[in-house]
Amino acid sequence: MTTGLIRWNPEADVLRGRVDRLFNQMLQDFWGTTLPAEEVSTRRWAPAVDIKETEDALVLSAELPGLTKEDVKITLENQVLTLSGERKFEKEAKGENYHRIERSYGAFTRAFTLPTHVRTEKVEATFDNGVLTVTLPKMEESKPRHIAIR
């Protein structure tokens, strides 16, 4: 049984992020400057997400280290589940310059088209130790059943 979720290619996003960082680092090395904190806070990023299927539900787990549940918004509209939020870059003191910033900051949005056999009115979410878990229960008629042989 296929879940009907749209495939996402994380390697493409990871590669793009690495190329962006490499390009920014080359420019910084060439010009001899450091990255301004204002630029860091306006970057976009995409949290890593795992999706597994159990007999009763689809379970989506998103890595959101450094965020709280108040930093994350979950919406469900027209069979599309959207996770969004922002990891803010905290400026510690005036006059400080970072020489390397590898952690991602800024706004993020991830959207997933759900299969029609998800009970959207029963979706639940928990947030524990920087991991958001969204449980998407299946409708009874879509769950596998065992048929006795006579």
N, C-alpha and C. Protein backbone atom coordinates (compact mmCIF):
# COMPACT_ATOMS: atom_id res chain seq x y z
N MET A 1 0.85 -1.17 0.00
CA MET A 1 0.00 0.00 0.00
C MET A 1 0.89 1.23 0.00
N THR A 2 0.63 2.15 -0.89
CA THR A 2 1.39 3.39 -0.89
C THR A 2 0.68 4.43 -0.05
N THR A 3 1.45 5.29 0.55
CA THR A 3 0.88 6.29 1.45
C THR A 3 0.32 7.48 0.71
N GLY A 4 0.75 7.74 -0.51
CA GLY A 4 0.28 8.88 -1.26
C GLY A 4 1.01 10.16 -0.90
N LEU A 5 2.03 10.09 -0.05
CA LEU A 5 2.80 11.27 0.30
C LEU A 5 3.71 11.66 -0.85
N ILE A 6 3.90 12.94 -1.03
CA ILE A 6 4.78 13.42 -2.09
C ILE A 6 6.22 13.17 -1.67
N ARG A 7 7.00 12.63 -2.58
CA ARG A 7 8.40 12.33 -2.30
C ARG A 7 9.21 13.62 -2.22
N TRP A 8 10.12 13.66 -1.25
CA TRP A 8 11.02 14.79 -1.08
C TRP A 8 12.43 14.27 -1.17
N ASN A 9 13.27 14.96 -1.86
CA ASN A 9 14.64 14.54 -2.04
C ASN A 9 15.54 15.35 -1.11
N PRO A 10 15.84 14.82 0.08
CA PRO A 10 16.64 15.61 1.03
C PRO A 10 18.05 15.87 0.54
N GLU A 11 18.58 14.99 -0.31
CA GLU A 11 19.94 15.20 -0.80
C GLU A 11 20.04 16.49 -1.60
N ALA A 12 18.99 16.83 -2.35
CA ALA A 12 19.01 18.06 -3.14
C ALA A 12 19.07 19.28 -2.23
N ASP A 13 18.29 19.29 -1.15
CA ASP A 13 18.31 20.42 -0.21
C ASP A 13 19.64 20.48 0.54
N VAL A 14 20.17 19.34 0.92
CA VAL A 14 21.46 19.31 1.63
C VAL A 14 22.55 19.83 0.71
N LEU A 15 22.55 19.37 -0.53
CA LEU A 15 23.57 19.80 -1.49
C LEU A 15 23.47 21.31 -1.72
N ARG A 16 22.27 21.81 -1.87
CA ARG A 16 22.09 23.25 -2.09
C ARG A 16 22.63 24.05 -0.89
N GLY A 17 22.33 23.59 0.32
CA GLY A 17 22.81 24.27 1.52
C GLY A 17 24.32 24.27 1.59
N ARG A 18 24.93 23.14 1.23
CA ARG A 18 26.40 23.05 1.27
C ARG A 18 27.03 23.97 0.23
N VAL A 19 26.45 24.00 -0.97
CA VAL A 19 26.99 24.87 -2.02
C VAL A 19 26.84 26.33 -1.59
N ASP A 20 25.69 26.71 -1.01
CA ASP A 20 25.49 28.08 -0.53
C ASP A 20 26.53 28.44 0.53
N ARG A 21 26.75 27.54 1.49
CA ARG A 21 27.73 27.81 2.55
C ARG A 21 29.14 27.93 1.97
N LEU A 22 29.48 27.04 1.02
CA LEU A 22 30.79 27.08 0.39
C LEU A 22 30.99 28.40 -0.35
N PHE A 23 29.99 28.82 -1.11
CA PHE A 23 30.07 30.06 -1.85
C PHE A 23 30.22 31.25 -0.90
N ASN A 24 29.40 31.28 0.16
CA ASN A 24 29.50 32.36 1.15
C ASN A 24 30.88 32.37 1.81
N GLN A 25 31.41 31.19 2.14
CA GLN A 25 32.72 31.11 2.78
C GLN A 25 33.82 31.61 1.84
N MET A 26 33.72 31.26 0.55
CA MET A 26 34.71 31.73 -0.42
C MET A 26 34.68 33.25 -0.52
N LEU A 27 33.49 33.83 -0.55
CA LEU A 27 33.38 35.29 -0.62
C LEU A 27 33.94 35.93 0.64
N GLN A 28 33.64 35.32 1.78
CA GLN A 28 34.15 35.87 3.03
C GLN A 28 35.67 35.81 3.07
N ASP A 29 36.25 34.69 2.61
CA ASP A 29 37.70 34.56 2.59
C ASP A 29 38.33 35.56 1.62
N PHE A 30 37.68 35.74 0.47
CA PHE A 30 38.20 36.66 -0.55
C PHE A 30 38.18 38.10 -0.06
N TRP A 31 37.04 38.51 0.51
CA TRP A 31 36.90 39.90 0.95
C TRP A 31 37.44 40.12 2.36
N GLY A 32 37.74 39.04 3.08
CA GLY A 32 38.30 39.18 4.42
C GLY A 32 37.29 39.69 5.43
N THR A 33 36.03 39.35 5.23
CA THR A 33 35.00 39.82 6.15
C THR A 33 34.31 38.64 6.80
N THR A 34 33.58 38.94 7.84
CA THR A 34 32.78 37.92 8.50
C THR A 34 31.32 38.14 8.14
N LEU A 35 30.53 37.12 8.31
CA LEU A 35 29.12 37.17 7.98
C LEU A 35 28.36 38.00 9.00
N PRO A 36 27.63 39.02 8.57
CA PRO A 36 26.86 39.81 9.54
C PRO A 36 25.73 38.99 10.14
N ALA A 37 25.45 39.23 11.41
CA ALA A 37 24.39 38.48 12.10
C ALA A 37 23.04 38.70 11.45
N GLU A 38 22.81 39.86 10.85
CA GLU A 38 21.52 40.15 10.21
C GLU A 38 21.27 39.19 9.05
N GLU A 39 22.34 38.84 8.33
CA GLU A 39 22.19 37.92 7.21
C GLU A 39 21.86 36.51 7.69
N VAL A 40 22.43 36.12 8.81
CA VAL A 40 22.17 34.78 9.35
C VAL A 40 20.71 34.62 9.69
N SER A 41 20.10 35.63 10.29
CA SER A 41 18.72 35.52 10.75
C SER A 41 17.71 35.52 9.62
N THR A 42 18.11 35.85 8.39
CA THR A 42 17.15 35.89 7.29
C THR A 42 17.26 34.66 6.39
N ARG A 43 18.13 33.72 6.71
CA ARG A 43 18.25 32.50 5.92
C ARG A 43 17.03 31.61 6.12
N ARG A 44 16.78 30.74 5.14
CA ARG A 44 15.73 29.74 5.26
C ARG A 44 16.40 28.38 5.40
N TRP A 45 15.71 27.46 6.06
CA TRP A 45 16.25 26.13 6.24
C TRP A 45 15.08 25.14 6.28
N ALA A 46 15.39 23.89 6.21
CA ALA A 46 14.36 22.84 6.24
C ALA A 46 14.77 21.77 7.24
N PRO A 47 13.94 21.55 8.26
CA PRO A 47 14.29 20.51 9.23
C PRO A 47 14.19 19.12 8.61
N ALA A 48 15.02 18.21 9.11
CA ALA A 48 14.96 16.82 8.66
C ALA A 48 13.67 16.19 9.19
N VAL A 49 13.00 15.41 8.34
CA VAL A 49 11.74 14.78 8.69
C VAL A 49 11.78 13.31 8.29
N ASP A 50 11.36 12.44 9.21
CA ASP A 50 11.18 11.02 8.92
C ASP A 50 9.69 10.73 8.91
N ILE A 51 9.26 9.87 8.00
CA ILE A 51 7.85 9.45 7.95
C ILE A 51 7.83 7.93 7.94
N LYS A 52 7.14 7.36 8.92
CA LYS A 52 7.02 5.91 8.95
C LYS A 52 5.54 5.54 8.97
N GLU A 53 5.27 4.32 8.56
CA GLU A 53 3.89 3.83 8.54
C GLU A 53 3.78 2.63 9.47
N THR A 54 2.79 2.67 10.35
CA THR A 54 2.47 1.54 11.20
C THR A 54 1.14 0.98 10.73
N GLU A 55 0.68 -0.03 11.39
CA GLU A 55 -0.60 -0.62 11.01
C GLU A 55 -1.75 0.36 11.22
N ASP A 56 -1.61 1.24 12.22
CA ASP A 56 -2.70 2.14 12.58
C ASP A 56 -2.54 3.59 12.13
N ALA A 57 -1.32 3.99 11.76
CA ALA A 57 -1.11 5.42 11.49
C ALA A 57 0.14 5.66 10.66
N LEU A 58 0.23 6.89 10.15
CA LEU A 58 1.46 7.43 9.62
C LEU A 58 2.04 8.30 10.73
N VAL A 59 3.35 8.22 10.93
CA VAL A 59 3.98 8.99 12.00
C VAL A 59 5.10 9.82 11.38
N LEU A 60 5.00 11.13 11.54
CA LEU A 60 5.96 12.07 11.01
C LEU A 60 6.78 12.61 12.18
N SER A 61 8.11 12.54 12.08
CA SER A 61 9.00 13.05 13.13
C SER A 61 9.93 14.08 12.52
N ALA A 62 9.93 15.29 13.09
CA ALA A 62 10.76 16.39 12.58
C ALA A 62 11.77 16.80 13.64
N GLU A 63 13.04 16.93 13.23
CA GLU A 63 14.09 17.39 14.14
C GLU A 63 14.08 18.91 14.20
N LEU A 64 13.84 19.43 15.40
CA LEU A 64 13.78 20.88 15.60
C LEU A 64 14.58 21.28 16.83
N PRO A 65 15.88 20.99 16.86
CA PRO A 65 16.68 21.30 18.05
C PRO A 65 16.72 22.80 18.29
N GLY A 66 16.66 23.16 19.56
CA GLY A 66 16.73 24.56 19.93
C GLY A 66 15.41 25.29 19.87
N LEU A 67 14.37 24.62 19.41
CA LEU A 67 13.05 25.24 19.35
C LEU A 67 12.16 24.69 20.46
N THR A 68 11.10 25.41 20.76
CA THR A 68 10.09 24.94 21.69
C THR A 68 8.80 24.75 20.92
N LYS A 69 7.81 24.16 21.56
CA LYS A 69 6.54 23.94 20.86
C LYS A 69 5.88 25.27 20.49
N GLU A 70 6.19 26.32 21.22
CA GLU A 70 5.64 27.64 20.91
C GLU A 70 6.25 28.24 19.63
N ASP A 71 7.42 27.74 19.24
CA ASP A 71 8.10 28.23 18.04
C ASP A 71 7.59 27.57 16.76
N VAL A 72 6.75 26.55 16.90
CA VAL A 72 6.32 25.75 15.75
C VAL A 72 4.82 25.87 15.56
N LYS A 73 4.41 25.94 14.29
CA LYS A 73 2.99 26.00 13.93
C LYS A 73 2.69 24.82 13.01
N ILE A 74 1.58 24.14 13.29
CA ILE A 74 1.14 23.02 12.45
C ILE A 74 -0.24 23.36 11.93
N THR A 75 -0.42 23.28 10.61
CA THR A 75 -1.74 23.50 10.03
C THR A 75 -2.09 22.32 9.13
N LEU A 76 -3.38 22.08 8.99
CA LEU A 76 -3.88 21.01 8.13
C LEU A 76 -5.06 21.57 7.34
N GLU A 77 -4.87 21.66 6.03
CA GLU A 77 -5.90 22.21 5.17
C GLU A 77 -5.87 21.50 3.84
N ASN A 78 -7.05 21.04 3.38
CA ASN A 78 -7.17 20.37 2.08
C ASN A 78 -6.17 19.22 1.92
N GLN A 79 -6.06 18.38 2.95
CA GLN A 79 -5.18 17.21 2.95
C GLN A 79 -3.69 17.59 2.87
N VAL A 80 -3.31 18.82 3.22
CA VAL A 80 -1.92 19.24 3.24
C VAL A 80 -1.56 19.61 4.68
N LEU A 81 -0.58 18.88 5.22
CA LEU A 81 -0.07 19.15 6.56
C LEU A 81 1.15 20.05 6.40
N THR A 82 1.15 21.21 7.07
CA THR A 82 2.24 22.16 6.96
C THR A 82 2.86 22.41 8.33
N LEU A 83 4.17 22.27 8.39
CA LEU A 83 4.94 22.60 9.59
C LEU A 83 5.70 23.89 9.27
N SER A 84 5.64 24.86 10.17
CA SER A 84 6.38 26.10 9.95
C SER A 84 6.83 26.66 11.28
N GLY A 85 7.79 27.54 11.21
CA GLY A 85 8.31 28.17 12.41
C GLY A 85 9.56 28.94 12.11
N GLU A 86 10.27 29.30 13.17
CA GLU A 86 11.49 30.06 12.99
C GLU A 86 12.45 29.81 14.13
N ARG A 87 13.71 29.61 13.78
CA ARG A 87 14.77 29.54 14.78
C ARG A 87 15.51 30.87 14.70
N LYS A 88 15.39 31.64 15.75
CA LYS A 88 15.97 32.98 15.77
C LYS A 88 17.45 32.93 16.12
N PHE A 89 18.21 33.79 15.46
CA PHE A 89 19.63 33.93 15.76
C PHE A 89 19.75 34.95 16.87
N GLU A 90 20.27 34.53 18.00
CA GLU A 90 20.39 35.41 19.16
C GLU A 90 21.73 36.12 19.12
N LYS A 91 21.69 37.42 18.95
CA LYS A 91 22.91 38.22 19.00
C LYS A 91 23.29 38.36 20.47
N GLU A 92 24.48 37.93 20.79
CA GLU A 92 24.90 37.94 22.19
C GLU A 92 25.39 39.30 22.65
N ALA A 93 26.15 40.00 21.83
CA ALA A 93 26.65 41.30 22.24
C ALA A 93 27.03 42.10 21.00
N LYS A 94 26.95 43.38 21.11
CA LYS A 94 27.36 44.26 20.01
C LYS A 94 28.86 44.14 19.80
N GLY A 95 29.27 44.27 18.56
CA GLY A 95 30.69 44.26 18.26
C GLY A 95 31.29 42.87 18.07
N GLU A 96 30.51 41.82 18.32
CA GLU A 96 31.03 40.46 18.11
C GLU A 96 30.84 40.06 16.66
N ASN A 97 31.82 39.38 16.12
CA ASN A 97 31.73 38.87 14.76
C ASN A 97 31.94 37.37 14.79
N TYR A 98 31.07 36.65 14.11
CA TYR A 98 31.23 35.21 13.98
C TYR A 98 32.13 34.93 12.79
N HIS A 99 33.01 33.97 12.93
CA HIS A 99 33.87 33.57 11.82
C HIS A 99 33.32 32.35 11.11
N ARG A 100 32.46 31.62 11.75
CA ARG A 100 31.82 30.45 11.14
C ARG A 100 30.46 30.26 11.79
N ILE A 101 29.44 30.10 10.95
CA ILE A 101 28.10 29.80 11.45
C ILE A 101 27.59 28.63 10.62
N GLU A 102 27.53 27.46 11.23
CA GLU A 102 27.10 26.26 10.52
C GLU A 102 25.68 25.84 10.88
N ARG A 103 25.19 26.28 12.02
CA ARG A 103 23.83 25.95 12.38
C ARG A 103 22.87 26.79 11.54
N SER A 104 21.71 26.26 11.27
CA SER A 104 20.72 26.96 10.45
C SER A 104 19.80 27.79 11.31
N TYR A 105 19.52 29.00 10.84
CA TYR A 105 18.61 29.92 11.52
C TYR A 105 17.65 30.49 10.50
N GLY A 106 16.56 31.05 10.99
CA GLY A 106 15.59 31.69 10.12
C GLY A 106 14.30 30.89 10.07
N ALA A 107 13.45 31.27 9.13
CA ALA A 107 12.14 30.64 8.99
C ALA A 107 12.26 29.32 8.24
N PHE A 108 11.31 28.41 8.52
CA PHE A 108 11.23 27.16 7.77
C PHE A 108 9.77 26.84 7.51
N THR A 109 9.53 26.11 6.45
CA THR A 109 8.20 25.60 6.12
C THR A 109 8.39 24.26 5.44
N ARG A 110 7.67 23.26 5.90
CA ARG A 110 7.63 21.95 5.23
C ARG A 110 6.17 21.59 5.05
N ALA A 111 5.79 21.15 3.88
CA ALA A 111 4.40 20.78 3.59
C ALA A 111 4.35 19.36 3.03
N PHE A 112 3.34 18.61 3.46
CA PHE A 112 3.18 17.21 3.06
C PHE A 112 1.73 16.98 2.64
N THR A 113 1.54 16.47 1.44
CA THR A 113 0.20 16.11 0.99
C THR A 113 -0.14 14.75 1.58
N LEU A 114 -1.25 14.70 2.31
CA LEU A 114 -1.63 13.46 3.00
C LEU A 114 -2.50 12.59 2.11
N PRO A 115 -2.41 11.29 2.29
CA PRO A 115 -3.31 10.39 1.55
C PRO A 115 -4.74 10.55 2.06
N THR A 116 -5.68 10.14 1.27
CA THR A 116 -7.09 10.32 1.64
C THR A 116 -7.52 9.42 2.79
N HIS A 117 -6.76 8.38 3.11
CA HIS A 117 -7.18 7.46 4.17
C HIS A 117 -6.72 7.90 5.57
N VAL A 118 -6.29 9.15 5.73
CA VAL A 118 -5.92 9.67 7.04
C VAL A 118 -7.14 10.32 7.69
N ARG A 119 -7.34 10.02 8.97
CA ARG A 119 -8.44 10.63 9.74
C ARG A 119 -7.95 11.99 10.23
N THR A 120 -8.18 13.02 9.43
CA THR A 120 -7.63 14.34 9.72
C THR A 120 -8.15 14.93 11.03
N GLU A 121 -9.34 14.55 11.45
CA GLU A 121 -9.90 15.08 12.70
C GLU A 121 -9.25 14.47 13.94
N LYS A 122 -8.45 13.42 13.77
CA LYS A 122 -7.81 12.73 14.90
C LYS A 122 -6.29 12.92 14.94
N VAL A 123 -5.75 13.83 14.14
CA VAL A 123 -4.30 14.05 14.11
C VAL A 123 -3.86 14.62 15.45
N GLU A 124 -2.73 14.10 15.96
CA GLU A 124 -2.18 14.56 17.24
C GLU A 124 -0.71 14.89 17.05
N ALA A 125 -0.21 15.82 17.87
CA ALA A 125 1.20 16.21 17.81
C ALA A 125 1.78 16.31 19.21
N THR A 126 3.04 15.89 19.35
CA THR A 126 3.77 16.03 20.61
C THR A 126 5.13 16.62 20.29
N PHE A 127 5.73 17.25 21.29
CA PHE A 127 7.05 17.84 21.12
C PHE A 127 7.88 17.45 22.33
N ASP A 128 8.99 16.73 22.09
CA ASP A 128 9.81 16.25 23.19
C ASP A 128 11.28 16.28 22.79
N ASN A 129 12.11 16.95 23.58
CA ASN A 129 13.55 17.01 23.35
C ASN A 129 13.91 17.44 21.93
N GLY A 130 13.23 18.45 21.41
CA GLY A 130 13.55 18.97 20.09
C GLY A 130 13.03 18.15 18.93
N VAL A 131 12.18 17.16 19.20
CA VAL A 131 11.60 16.34 18.14
C VAL A 131 10.09 16.51 18.15
N LEU A 132 9.55 16.98 17.03
CA LEU A 132 8.10 17.09 16.85
C LEU A 132 7.61 15.79 16.24
N THR A 133 6.62 15.17 16.87
CA THR A 133 6.03 13.93 16.34
C THR A 133 4.57 14.18 16.05
N VAL A 134 4.17 13.97 14.80
CA VAL A 134 2.78 14.13 14.39
C VAL A 134 2.26 12.75 14.01
N THR A 135 1.19 12.33 14.69
CA THR A 135 0.58 11.03 14.42
C THR A 135 -0.68 11.24 13.61
N LEU A 136 -0.74 10.57 12.46
CA LEU A 136 -1.84 10.69 11.51
C LEU A 136 -2.56 9.34 11.43
N PRO A 137 -3.64 9.16 12.23
CA PRO A 137 -4.32 7.87 12.26
C PRO A 137 -4.97 7.53 10.92
N LYS A 138 -4.98 6.24 10.60
CA LYS A 138 -5.63 5.76 9.38
C LYS A 138 -7.10 5.49 9.65
N MET A 139 -7.91 5.61 8.60
CA MET A 139 -9.32 5.23 8.70
C MET A 139 -9.39 3.71 8.85
N GLU A 140 -10.41 3.24 9.53
CA GLU A 140 -10.56 1.80 9.78
C GLU A 140 -10.55 0.99 8.49
N GLU A 141 -11.25 1.47 7.47
CA GLU A 141 -11.35 0.69 6.23
C GLU A 141 -10.02 0.59 5.49
N SER A 142 -9.05 1.44 5.81
CA SER A 142 -7.76 1.37 5.12
C SER A 142 -6.73 0.52 5.86
N LYS A 143 -7.06 0.13 7.09
CA LYS A 143 -6.13 -0.70 7.86
C LYS A 143 -6.13 -2.12 7.31
N PRO A 144 -4.99 -2.77 7.34
CA PRO A 144 -4.96 -4.15 6.85
C PRO A 144 -5.81 -5.06 7.74
N ARG A 145 -6.50 -5.99 7.11
CA ARG A 145 -7.27 -6.96 7.91
C ARG A 145 -6.85 -8.36 7.50
N HIS A 146 -6.99 -9.25 8.45
CA HIS A 146 -6.68 -10.64 8.20
C HIS A 146 -7.98 -11.35 7.82
N ILE A 147 -7.91 -12.13 6.76
CA ILE A 147 -9.09 -12.83 6.28
C ILE A 147 -8.86 -14.32 6.51
N ALA A 148 -9.79 -14.89 7.20
CA ALA A 148 -9.69 -16.33 7.49
C ALA A 148 -9.98 -17.14 6.23
N ILE A 149 -9.24 -18.21 6.08
CA ILE A 149 -9.45 -19.12 4.95
C ILE A 149 -10.36 -20.24 5.41
N ARG A 150 -11.42 -20.50 4.66
CA ARG A 150 -12.36 -21.57 5.03
C ARG A 150 -12.08 -22.83 4.27
